[in-house]
């Protein structure tokens, strides 16, 4: 079996991210890996009390993408109470396209292993293909290995996007494009919580659909909303089919309204479709998200 590429480094110095970049760069160049068949890359940041900032994440990603250019990069953020305050550890895992079954399980086990209190990563559906997930599930059904576990809601152990990251996103909203789809959903859920809603994240699925239930009680009664999150690039606008689909959910589940939140924008057809059902379907694009984040700014 091939040894799957994995790199890690840590530092608690003032310029910790630059020191880590230098060390991981050295590891990559020294080991002379061939990166011509990469499927996905997962980067985990684990810190002590002084949490990693979005600026540090941006600096690392910019440097890393120059070493190994790739579009499908996921990152996660976690913390460990046993770490010194300013200690930061960065680990990188790489998944090949032409991966055999043993390598698949090895990668999966590395991904779900946590030496800290929590690890924030993408959902399995973000990282693995359906065929790969079927192999993992089949293996899980046939064995008692505790190291291979799919949690009840089909997600790897995950925490909420923390408040520090939200503050950084408020300063630099474009950094939300570095979030995974699930982290984007958690960001939106946290923003609803800040508005006084009770929130429930739904099971992570391959085919999308409603991602969040948000409930609120006012003097006018109780209101329940279904929220769909679309973490798209700016040029990839949300089309009318997404609106039609969520509108169908609103009708079937008889909730107060549906809400679509995107890091992109909506097409003209989507905006026109919503005009006749404004009270049953609300649209929030990147500009709305920026305004929503503003209360988190610290000047």
C-alpha atoms as a PDB file:
ATOM      1  CA  UNK A   1       0.000   0.000   0.000  1.00  0.00           C
ATOM      2  CA  UNK A   2       1.223   3.505  -0.816  1.00  0.00           C
ATOM      3  CA  UNK A   3       2.051   5.757   2.096  1.00  0.00           C
ATOM      4  CA  UNK A   4      -0.575   8.508   1.939  1.00  0.00           C
ATOM      5  CA  UNK A   5       0.944  12.002   2.041  1.00  0.00           C
ATOM      6  CA  UNK A   6       0.486  13.590   5.460  1.00  0.00           C
ATOM      7  CA  UNK A   7       2.329  16.617   6.793  1.00  0.00           C
ATOM      8  CA  UNK A   8       2.178  18.464  10.114  1.00  0.00           C
ATOM      9  CA  UNK A   9       3.972  21.186  12.037  1.00  0.00           C
ATOM     10  CA  UNK A  10       3.388  23.316  15.107  1.00  0.00           C
ATOM     11  CA  UNK A  11       4.611  26.502  16.742  1.00  0.00           C
ATOM     12  CA  UNK A  12       3.754  28.835  19.597  1.00  0.00           C
ATOM     13  CA  UNK A  13       5.996  31.698  18.525  1.00  0.00           C
ATOM     14  CA  UNK A  14       4.644  35.144  17.607  1.00  0.00           C
ATOM     15  CA  UNK A  15       4.984  34.392  13.867  1.00  0.00           C
ATOM     16  CA  UNK A  16       3.673  30.846  14.354  1.00  0.00           C
ATOM     17  CA  UNK A  17       1.934  30.533  10.981  1.00  0.00           C
ATOM     18  CA  UNK A  18       5.078  31.566   9.064  1.00  0.00           C
ATOM     19  CA  UNK A  19       7.169  29.051  11.029  1.00  0.00           C
ATOM     20  CA  UNK A  20       4.623  26.314  10.299  1.00  0.00           C
ATOM     21  CA  UNK A  21       4.566  27.184   6.587  1.00  0.00           C
ATOM     22  CA  UNK A  22       8.371  26.959   6.475  1.00  0.00           C
ATOM     23  CA  UNK A  23       8.391  23.545   8.193  1.00  0.00           C
ATOM     24  CA  UNK A  24       5.630  22.003   6.056  1.00  0.00           C
ATOM     25  CA  UNK A  25       7.251  23.386   2.905  1.00  0.00           C
ATOM     26  CA  UNK A  26      10.496  21.706   3.976  1.00  0.00           C
ATOM     27  CA  UNK A  27       8.674  18.396   4.543  1.00  0.00           C
ATOM     28  CA  UNK A  28       7.012  18.516   1.130  1.00  0.00           C
ATOM     29  CA  UNK A  29      10.205  19.412  -0.751  1.00  0.00           C
ATOM     30  CA  UNK A  30      12.395  16.946   1.188  1.00  0.00           C
ATOM     31  CA  UNK A  31      10.088  13.960   0.712  1.00  0.00           C
ATOM     32  CA  UNK A  32       9.705  14.699  -3.009  1.00  0.00           C
ATOM     33  CA  UNK A  33       6.080  13.533  -3.319  1.00  0.00           C
ATOM     34  CA  UNK A  34       4.359  13.356  -6.704  1.00  0.00           C
ATOM     35  CA  UNK A  35       1.044  15.214  -6.562  1.00  0.00           C
ATOM     36  CA  UNK A  36      -0.367  14.486  -9.995  1.00  0.00           C
ATOM     37  CA  UNK A  37      -3.368  12.363  -8.939  1.00  0.00           C
ATOM     38  CA  UNK A  38      -4.894  14.321  -6.050  1.00  0.00           C
ATOM     39  CA  UNK A  39      -8.615  14.121  -5.372  1.00  0.00           C
ATOM     40  CA  UNK A  40      -8.988  16.227  -2.222  1.00  0.00           C
ATOM     41  CA  UNK A  41      -6.867  17.883   0.460  1.00  0.00           C
ATOM     42  CA  UNK A  42      -7.945  18.315   4.095  1.00  0.00           C
ATOM     43  CA  UNK A  43      -6.138  20.806   6.338  1.00  0.00           C
ATOM     44  CA  UNK A  44      -6.820  20.822  10.092  1.00  0.00           C
ATOM     45  CA  UNK A  45      -5.821  23.680  12.400  1.00  0.00           C
ATOM     46  CA  UNK A  46      -5.753  22.909  16.137  1.00  0.00           C
ATOM     47  CA  UNK A  47      -4.898  25.651  18.621  1.00  0.00           C
ATOM     48  CA  UNK A  48      -4.735  26.505  22.296  1.00  0.00           C
ATOM     49  CA  UNK A  49      -6.613  29.432  23.853  1.00  0.00           C
ATOM     50  CA  UNK A  50      -5.282  31.849  21.232  1.00  0.00           C
ATOM     51  CA  UNK A  51      -7.406  30.606  18.360  1.00  0.00           C
ATOM     52  CA  UNK A  52      -6.229  30.729  14.787  1.00  0.00           C
ATOM     53  CA  UNK A  53      -7.462  33.766  12.867  1.00  0.00           C
ATOM     54  CA  UNK A  54      -8.893  33.867   9.367  1.00  0.00           C
ATOM     55  CA  UNK A  55      -5.866  35.981   8.392  1.00  0.00           C
ATOM     56  CA  UNK A  56      -3.552  33.149   9.457  1.00  0.00           C
ATOM     57  CA  UNK A  57      -5.692  30.624   7.579  1.00  0.00           C
ATOM     58  CA  UNK A  58      -5.540  32.808   4.477  1.00  0.00           C
ATOM     59  CA  UNK A  59      -1.751  33.171   4.717  1.00  0.00           C
ATOM     60  CA  UNK A  60      -1.309  29.403   5.050  1.00  0.00           C
ATOM     61  CA  UNK A  61      -3.679  28.557   2.194  1.00  0.00           C
ATOM     62  CA  UNK A  62      -2.025  31.061  -0.140  1.00  0.00           C
ATOM     63  CA  UNK A  63       1.397  29.563   0.572  1.00  0.00           C
ATOM     64  CA  UNK A  64       0.173  25.971   0.405  1.00  0.00           C
ATOM     65  CA  UNK A  65      -1.637  26.413  -2.910  1.00  0.00           C
ATOM     66  CA  UNK A  66       1.632  27.613  -4.455  1.00  0.00           C
ATOM     67  CA  UNK A  67       3.285  24.371  -3.368  1.00  0.00           C
ATOM     68  CA  UNK A  68       0.425  22.041  -4.371  1.00  0.00           C
ATOM     69  CA  UNK A  69      -2.062  23.849  -6.638  1.00  0.00           C
ATOM     70  CA  UNK A  70      -5.505  22.338  -6.127  1.00  0.00           C
ATOM     71  CA  UNK A  71      -9.099  23.577  -6.110  1.00  0.00           C
ATOM     72  CA  UNK A  72     -10.652  20.997  -3.778  1.00  0.00           C
ATOM     73  CA  UNK A  73      -9.195  21.975  -0.403  1.00  0.00           C
ATOM     74  CA  UNK A  74     -11.187  21.618   2.843  1.00  0.00           C
ATOM     75  CA  UNK A  75     -10.073  23.077   6.140  1.00  0.00           C
ATOM     76  CA  UNK A  76     -11.163  22.575   9.717  1.00  0.00           C
ATOM     77  CA  UNK A  77     -10.584  24.392  12.975  1.00  0.00           C
ATOM     78  CA  UNK A  78     -10.345  22.843  16.430  1.00  0.00           C
ATOM     79  CA  UNK A  79      -8.910  23.487  19.869  1.00  0.00           C
ATOM     80  CA  UNK A  80      -7.169  21.467  22.564  1.00  0.00           C
ATOM     81  CA  UNK A  81      -7.214  22.488  26.214  1.00  0.00           C
ATOM     82  CA  UNK A  82      -3.920  20.672  26.751  1.00  0.00           C
ATOM     83  CA  UNK A  83      -2.137  23.014  24.324  1.00  0.00           C
ATOM     84  CA  UNK A  84      -0.217  26.039  25.554  1.00  0.00           C
ATOM     85  CA  UNK A  85      -2.120  29.275  24.920  1.00  0.00           C
ATOM     86  CA  UNK A  86      -0.381  30.246  21.671  1.00  0.00           C
ATOM     87  CA  UNK A  87       0.385  26.756  20.359  1.00  0.00           C
ATOM     88  CA  UNK A  88      -0.938  26.026  16.881  1.00  0.00           C
ATOM     89  CA  UNK A  89      -0.727  22.694  15.059  1.00  0.00           C
ATOM     90  CA  UNK A  90      -1.449  22.358  11.343  1.00  0.00           C
ATOM     91  CA  UNK A  91      -1.878  18.947   9.704  1.00  0.00           C
ATOM     92  CA  UNK A  92      -2.429  18.172   6.028  1.00  0.00           C
ATOM     93  CA  UNK A  93      -3.988  14.969   4.631  1.00  0.00           C
ATOM     94  CA  UNK A  94      -4.127  14.169   0.924  1.00  0.00           C
ATOM     95  CA  UNK A  95      -6.567  11.811  -0.801  1.00  0.00           C
ATOM     96  CA  UNK A  96      -5.722  10.332  -4.214  1.00  0.00           C
ATOM     97  CA  UNK A  97      -8.262   9.721  -6.979  1.00  0.00           C
ATOM     98  CA  UNK A  98      -6.979   6.231  -7.756  1.00  0.00           C
ATOM     99  CA  UNK A  99      -7.153   5.065  -4.164  1.00  0.00           C
ATOM    100  CA  UNK A 100      -7.500   1.408  -3.167  1.00  0.00           C
ATOM    101  CA  UNK A 101      -9.719   0.174  -0.346  1.00  0.00           C
ATOM    102  CA  UNK A 102      -6.937  -0.127   2.264  1.00  0.00           C
ATOM    103  CA  UNK A 103      -5.794   3.424   1.498  1.00  0.00           C
ATOM    104  CA  UNK A 104      -9.384   4.642   1.742  1.00  0.00           C
ATOM    105  CA  UNK A 105      -9.781   3.282   5.271  1.00  0.00           C
ATOM    106  CA  UNK A 106      -6.351   4.559   6.257  1.00  0.00           C
ATOM    107  CA  UNK A 107      -7.247   8.057   5.082  1.00  0.00           C
ATOM    108  CA  UNK A 108     -10.668   7.901   6.753  1.00  0.00           C
ATOM    109  CA  UNK A 109      -9.180   6.777  10.075  1.00  0.00           C
ATOM    110  CA  UNK A 110      -6.613   9.584   9.975  1.00  0.00           C
ATOM    111  CA  UNK A 111      -9.369  12.054   9.217  1.00  0.00           C
ATOM    112  CA  UNK A 112     -11.619  11.143  12.153  1.00  0.00           C
ATOM    113  CA  UNK A 113      -8.814  10.748  14.706  1.00  0.00           C
ATOM    114  CA  UNK A 114      -8.699  13.678  17.116  1.00  0.00           C
ATOM    115  CA  UNK A 115      -6.120  14.313  19.831  1.00  0.00           C
ATOM    116  CA  UNK A 116      -7.980  17.398  21.006  1.00  0.00           C
ATOM    117  CA  UNK A 117     -11.337  18.295  22.429  1.00  0.00           C
ATOM    118  CA  UNK A 118     -12.864  18.679  18.985  1.00  0.00           C
ATOM    119  CA  UNK A 119     -11.983  18.770  15.343  1.00  0.00           C
ATOM    120  CA  UNK A 120     -13.953  20.695  12.750  1.00  0.00           C
ATOM    121  CA  UNK A 121     -13.905  19.117   9.318  1.00  0.00           C
ATOM    122  CA  UNK A 122     -16.142  18.666   6.333  1.00  0.00           C
ATOM    123  CA  UNK A 123     -18.883  16.058   6.295  1.00  0.00           C
ATOM    124  CA  UNK A 124     -17.981  12.672   4.752  1.00  0.00           C
ATOM    125  CA  UNK A 125     -20.278  13.463   1.833  1.00  0.00           C
ATOM    126  CA  UNK A 126     -18.167  16.546   1.031  1.00  0.00           C
ATOM    127  CA  UNK A 127     -14.951  14.540   0.941  1.00  0.00           C
ATOM    128  CA  UNK A 128     -15.791  11.040  -0.278  1.00  0.00           C
ATOM    129  CA  UNK A 129     -17.668   9.842  -3.342  1.00  0.00           C
ATOM    130  CA  UNK A 130     -20.864   7.814  -2.911  1.00  0.00           C
ATOM    131  CA  UNK A 131     -18.976   4.678  -3.942  1.00  0.00           C
ATOM    132  CA  UNK A 132     -16.305   5.315  -1.321  1.00  0.00           C
ATOM    133  CA  UNK A 133     -18.937   5.955   1.358  1.00  0.00           C
ATOM    134  CA  UNK A 134     -20.641   2.686   0.422  1.00  0.00           C
ATOM    135  CA  UNK A 135     -17.331   0.843   0.956  1.00  0.00           C
ATOM    136  CA  UNK A 136     -16.867   2.528   4.343  1.00  0.00           C
ATOM    137  CA  UNK A 137     -20.425   1.671   5.402  1.00  0.00           C
ATOM    138  CA  UNK A 138     -20.038  -1.926   4.233  1.00  0.00           C
ATOM    139  CA  UNK A 139     -16.782  -2.233   6.128  1.00  0.00           C
ATOM    140  CA  UNK A 140     -18.398  -0.731   9.225  1.00  0.00           C
ATOM    141  CA  UNK A 141     -21.285  -3.206   9.034  1.00  0.00           C
ATOM    142  CA  UNK A 142     -18.951  -6.195   8.815  1.00  0.00           C
ATOM    143  CA  UNK A 143     -16.436  -5.261  11.494  1.00  0.00           C
ATOM    144  CA  UNK A 144     -16.234  -4.074  15.076  1.00  0.00           C
ATOM    145  CA  UNK A 145     -13.341  -1.687  14.521  1.00  0.00           C
ATOM    146  CA  UNK A 146     -14.027   1.324  16.746  1.00  0.00           C
ATOM    147  CA  UNK A 147     -11.721   3.484  14.634  1.00  0.00           C
ATOM    148  CA  UNK A 148     -14.163   3.444  11.702  1.00  0.00           C
ATOM    149  CA  UNK A 149     -17.347   5.146  12.838  1.00  0.00           C
ATOM    150  CA  UNK A 150     -20.013   7.045  10.971  1.00  0.00           C
ATOM    151  CA  UNK A 151     -21.857   9.168  13.509  1.00  0.00           C
ATOM    152  CA  UNK A 152     -25.652   9.021  13.745  1.00  0.00           C
ATOM    153  CA  UNK A 153     -26.169  12.078  11.576  1.00  0.00           C
ATOM    154  CA  UNK A 154     -23.510  10.953   9.062  1.00  0.00           C
ATOM    155  CA  UNK A 155     -21.081  13.676  10.024  1.00  0.00           C
ATOM    156  CA  UNK A 156     -17.541  13.615  11.278  1.00  0.00           C
ATOM    157  CA  UNK A 157     -17.291  15.178  14.753  1.00  0.00           C
ATOM    158  CA  UNK A 158     -17.857  18.878  14.206  1.00  0.00           C
ATOM    159  CA  UNK A 159     -18.161  22.043  16.238  1.00  0.00           C
ATOM    160  CA  UNK A 160     -19.908  25.332  15.546  1.00  0.00           C
ATOM    161  CA  UNK A 161     -18.013  27.993  13.658  1.00  0.00           C
ATOM    162  CA  UNK A 162     -16.521  29.811  16.649  1.00  0.00           C
ATOM    163  CA  UNK A 163     -17.088  33.425  17.492  1.00  0.00           C
ATOM    164  CA  UNK A 164     -13.518  34.422  16.698  1.00  0.00           C
ATOM    165  CA  UNK A 165     -13.915  33.173  13.130  1.00  0.00           C
ATOM    166  CA  UNK A 166     -17.222  34.999  12.799  1.00  0.00           C
ATOM    167  CA  UNK A 167     -15.531  38.241  13.870  1.00  0.00           C
ATOM    168  CA  UNK A 168     -12.831  37.666  11.258  1.00  0.00           C
ATOM    169  CA  UNK A 169     -15.480  36.978   8.618  1.00  0.00           C
ATOM    170  CA  UNK A 170     -17.189  40.230   9.566  1.00  0.00           C
ATOM    171  CA  UNK A 171     -13.934  42.066   8.823  1.00  0.00           C
ATOM    172  CA  UNK A 172     -13.206  40.144   5.617  1.00  0.00           C
ATOM    173  CA  UNK A 173     -16.392  38.535   4.277  1.00  0.00           C
ATOM    174  CA  UNK A 174     -14.620  37.110   1.196  1.00  0.00           C
ATOM    175  CA  UNK A 175     -12.960  34.597   3.507  1.00  0.00           C
ATOM    176  CA  UNK A 176     -16.285  32.725   3.730  1.00  0.00           C
ATOM    177  CA  UNK A 177     -15.384  31.175   0.358  1.00  0.00           C
ATOM    178  CA  UNK A 178     -12.703  29.211   2.201  1.00  0.00           C
ATOM    179  CA  UNK A 179     -15.339  27.525   4.394  1.00  0.00           C
ATOM    180  CA  UNK A 180     -16.682  24.086   3.567  1.00  0.00           C
ATOM    181  CA  UNK A 181     -20.381  23.784   2.761  1.00  0.00           C
ATOM    182  CA  UNK A 182     -21.098  22.439   6.247  1.00  0.00           C
ATOM    183  CA  UNK A 183     -19.122  25.181   7.950  1.00  0.00           C
ATOM    184  CA  UNK A 184     -21.074  27.718   5.913  1.00  0.00           C
ATOM    185  CA  UNK A 185     -24.308  26.154   7.208  1.00  0.00           C
ATOM    186  CA  UNK A 186     -22.966  26.442  10.773  1.00  0.00           C
ATOM    187  CA  UNK A 187     -22.074  30.082  10.184  1.00  0.00           C
ATOM    188  CA  UNK A 188     -25.638  30.808   9.034  1.00  0.00           C
ATOM    189  CA  UNK A 189     -27.046  28.843  11.971  1.00  0.00           C
ATOM    190  CA  UNK A 190     -24.951  30.886  14.420  1.00  0.00           C
ATOM    191  CA  UNK A 191     -26.179  34.126  12.840  1.00  0.00           C
ATOM    192  CA  UNK A 192     -29.770  32.974  13.363  1.00  0.00           C
ATOM    193  CA  UNK A 193     -28.953  32.169  16.994  1.00  0.00           C
ATOM    194  CA  UNK A 194     -27.620  35.710  17.429  1.00  0.00           C
ATOM    195  CA  UNK A 195     -31.000  36.954  16.174  1.00  0.00           C
ATOM    196  CA  UNK A 196     -32.802  35.046  18.940  1.00  0.00           C
ATOM    197  CA  UNK A 197     -33.860  31.962  16.973  1.00  0.00           C
ATOM    198  CA  UNK A 198     -33.798  28.395  18.214  1.00  0.00           C
ATOM    199  CA  UNK A 199     -31.859  26.506  15.575  1.00  0.00           C
ATOM    200  CA  UNK A 200     -31.458  22.890  14.522  1.00  0.00           C
ATOM    201  CA  UNK A 201     -28.972  21.803  11.849  1.00  0.00           C
ATOM    202  CA  UNK A 202     -30.343  18.956   9.764  1.00  0.00           C
ATOM    203  CA  UNK A 203     -28.510  15.805   8.730  1.00  0.00           C
ATOM    204  CA  UNK A 204     -25.779  16.455   6.200  1.00  0.00           C
ATOM    205  CA  UNK A 205     -26.842  14.970   2.859  1.00  0.00           C
ATOM    206  CA  UNK A 206     -25.398  14.627  -0.618  1.00  0.00           C
ATOM    207  CA  UNK A 207     -28.293  16.163  -2.506  1.00  0.00           C
ATOM    208  CA  UNK A 208     -28.851  19.318  -0.458  1.00  0.00           C
ATOM    209  CA  UNK A 209     -32.331  20.462   0.562  1.00  0.00           C
ATOM    210  CA  UNK A 210     -33.252  22.115   3.839  1.00  0.00           C
ATOM    211  CA  UNK A 211     -30.176  22.567   6.017  1.00  0.00           C
ATOM    212  CA  UNK A 212     -31.540  24.405   9.060  1.00  0.00           C
ATOM    213  CA  UNK A 213     -34.785  24.716  11.024  1.00  0.00           C
ATOM    214  CA  UNK A 214     -35.080  28.106  12.722  1.00  0.00           C
ATOM    215  CA  UNK A 215     -37.893  28.807  15.200  1.00  0.00           C
ATOM    216  CA  UNK A 216     -38.847  32.005  16.977  1.00  0.00           C
ATOM    217  CA  UNK A 217     -41.647  33.018  19.331  1.00  0.00           C
ATOM    218  CA  UNK A 218     -42.949  36.595  19.166  1.00  0.00           C
ATOM    219  CA  UNK A 219     -45.981  38.468  20.458  1.00  0.00           C
ATOM    220  CA  UNK A 220     -47.665  37.432  17.213  1.00  0.00           C
ATOM    221  CA  UNK A 221     -47.129  33.724  17.818  1.00  0.00           C
ATOM    222  CA  UNK A 222     -44.639  31.003  16.929  1.00  0.00           C
ATOM    223  CA  UNK A 223     -42.859  30.931  13.581  1.00  0.00           C
ATOM    224  CA  UNK A 224     -40.892  28.103  11.990  1.00  0.00           C
ATOM    225  CA  UNK A 225     -38.602  28.583   8.991  1.00  0.00           C
ATOM    226  CA  UNK A 226     -36.723  26.136   6.787  1.00  0.00           C
ATOM    227  CA  UNK A 227     -33.369  27.454   5.629  1.00  0.00           C
ATOM    228  CA  UNK A 228     -31.310  26.279   2.685  1.00  0.00           C
ATOM    229  CA  UNK A 229     -27.669  27.339   2.449  1.00  0.00           C
ATOM    230  CA  UNK A 230     -25.746  27.580  -0.798  1.00  0.00           C
ATOM    231  CA  UNK A 231     -22.023  28.221  -0.471  1.00  0.00           C
ATOM    232  CA  UNK A 232     -21.343  29.172  -4.077  1.00  0.00           C
ATOM    233  CA  UNK A 233     -18.580  31.199  -5.697  1.00  0.00           C
ATOM    234  CA  UNK A 234     -19.650  34.748  -6.724  1.00  0.00           C
ATOM    235  CA  UNK A 235     -19.968  33.870 -10.403  1.00  0.00           C
ATOM    236  CA  UNK A 236     -22.120  30.798  -9.682  1.00  0.00           C
ATOM    237  CA  UNK A 237     -25.527  32.345  -9.035  1.00  0.00           C
ATOM    238  CA  UNK A 238     -28.440  30.515  -7.406  1.00  0.00           C
ATOM    239  CA  UNK A 239     -31.027  29.604 -10.031  1.00  0.00           C
ATOM    240  CA  UNK A 240     -34.794  29.376 -10.005  1.00  0.00           C
ATOM    241  CA  UNK A 241     -34.830  25.574  -9.564  1.00  0.00           C
ATOM    242  CA  UNK A 242     -33.385  25.926  -6.067  1.00  0.00           C
ATOM    243  CA  UNK A 243     -36.217  28.326  -5.185  1.00  0.00           C
ATOM    244  CA  UNK A 244     -38.882  26.023  -6.620  1.00  0.00           C
ATOM    245  CA  UNK A 245     -37.506  23.100  -4.633  1.00  0.00           C
ATOM    246  CA  UNK A 246     -37.503  24.938  -1.293  1.00  0.00           C
ATOM    247  CA  UNK A 247     -40.927  26.432  -2.009  1.00  0.00           C
ATOM    248  CA  UNK A 248     -42.193  22.862  -2.367  1.00  0.00           C
ATOM    249  CA  UNK A 249     -40.756  22.030   1.073  1.00  0.00           C
ATOM    250  CA  UNK A 250     -42.500  25.088   2.553  1.00  0.00           C
ATOM    251  CA  UNK A 251     -45.820  23.903   1.111  1.00  0.00           C
ATOM    252  CA  UNK A 252     -45.391  20.264   2.154  1.00  0.00           C
ATOM    253  CA  UNK A 253     -44.217  20.948   5.698  1.00  0.00           C
ATOM    254  CA  UNK A 254     -46.572  23.891   6.234  1.00  0.00           C
ATOM    255  CA  UNK A 255     -43.882  26.077   7.819  1.00  0.00           C
ATOM    256  CA  UNK A 256     -44.068  29.863   8.068  1.00  0.00           C
ATOM    257  CA  UNK A 257     -41.561  30.561   5.310  1.00  0.00           C
ATOM    258  CA  UNK A 258     -38.476  29.347   3.495  1.00  0.00           C
ATOM    259  CA  UNK A 259     -35.160  31.206   3.510  1.00  0.00           C
ATOM    260  CA  UNK A 260     -32.275  30.781   1.091  1.00  0.00           C
ATOM    261  CA  UNK A 261     -28.879  32.094   2.158  1.00  0.00           C
ATOM    262  CA  UNK A 262     -26.001  32.144  -0.305  1.00  0.00           C
ATOM    263  CA  UNK A 263     -22.443  33.408  -0.476  1.00  0.00           C
ATOM    264  CA  UNK A 264     -23.215  34.282  -4.102  1.00  0.00           C
ATOM    265  CA  UNK A 265     -26.202  36.025  -5.710  1.00  0.00           C
ATOM    266  CA  UNK A 266     -29.500  35.081  -7.398  1.00  0.00           C
ATOM    267  CA  UNK A 267     -30.267  34.965 -11.102  1.00  0.00           C
ATOM    268  CA  UNK A 268     -32.830  37.338 -12.608  1.00  0.00           C
ATOM    269  CA  UNK A 269     -35.258  34.436 -13.109  1.00  0.00           C
ATOM    270  CA  UNK A 270     -34.902  33.472  -9.458  1.00  0.00           C
ATOM    271  CA  UNK A 271     -35.633  37.047  -8.336  1.00  0.00           C
ATOM    272  CA  UNK A 272     -38.680  37.202 -10.636  1.00  0.00           C
ATOM    273  CA  UNK A 273     -40.008  33.903  -9.289  1.00  0.00           C
ATOM    274  CA  UNK A 274     -39.746  35.170  -5.713  1.00  0.00           C
ATOM    275  CA  UNK A 275     -41.666  38.386  -6.382  1.00  0.00           C
ATOM    276  CA  UNK A 276     -45.076  36.683  -6.161  1.00  0.00           C
ATOM    277  CA  UNK A 277     -44.288  34.697  -3.003  1.00  0.00           C
ATOM    278  CA  UNK A 278     -42.224  37.161  -0.960  1.00  0.00           C
ATOM    279  CA  UNK A 279     -43.881  36.197   2.319  1.00  0.00           C
ATOM    280  CA  UNK A 280     -43.237  32.487   1.750  1.00  0.00           C
ATOM    281  CA  UNK A 281     -39.713  32.620   0.368  1.00  0.00           C
ATOM    282  CA  UNK A 282     -36.974  35.017   1.480  1.00  0.00           C
ATOM    283  CA  UNK A 283     -33.666  35.533  -0.339  1.00  0.00           C
ATOM    284  CA  UNK A 284     -30.374  36.525   1.266  1.00  0.00           C
ATOM    285  CA  UNK A 285     -27.299  36.957  -0.926  1.00  0.00           C
ATOM    286  CA  UNK A 286     -23.676  37.871  -0.212  1.00  0.00           C
ATOM    287  CA  UNK A 287     -24.539  41.539   0.402  1.00  0.00           C
ATOM    288  CA  UNK A 288     -27.220  40.567   2.929  1.00  0.00           C
ATOM    289  CA  UNK A 289     -24.729  38.278   4.664  1.00  0.00           C
ATOM    290  CA  UNK A 290     -22.221  41.123   4.960  1.00  0.00           C
ATOM    291  CA  UNK A 291     -24.847  43.296   6.686  1.00  0.00           C
ATOM    292  CA  UNK A 292     -25.786  40.349   8.889  1.00  0.00           C
ATOM    293  CA  UNK A 293     -22.168  39.986   9.983  1.00  0.00           C
ATOM    294  CA  UNK A 294     -21.679  43.693  10.776  1.00  0.00           C
ATOM    295  CA  UNK A 295     -22.782  43.482  14.453  1.00  0.00           C
ATOM    296  CA  UNK A 296     -19.826  41.133  14.995  1.00  0.00           C
ATOM    297  CA  UNK A 297     -17.300  43.770  13.937  1.00  0.00           C
ATOM    298  CA  UNK A 298     -14.926  45.015  16.609  1.00  0.00           C
ATOM    299  CA  UNK A 299     -13.438  48.383  15.723  1.00  0.00           C
END
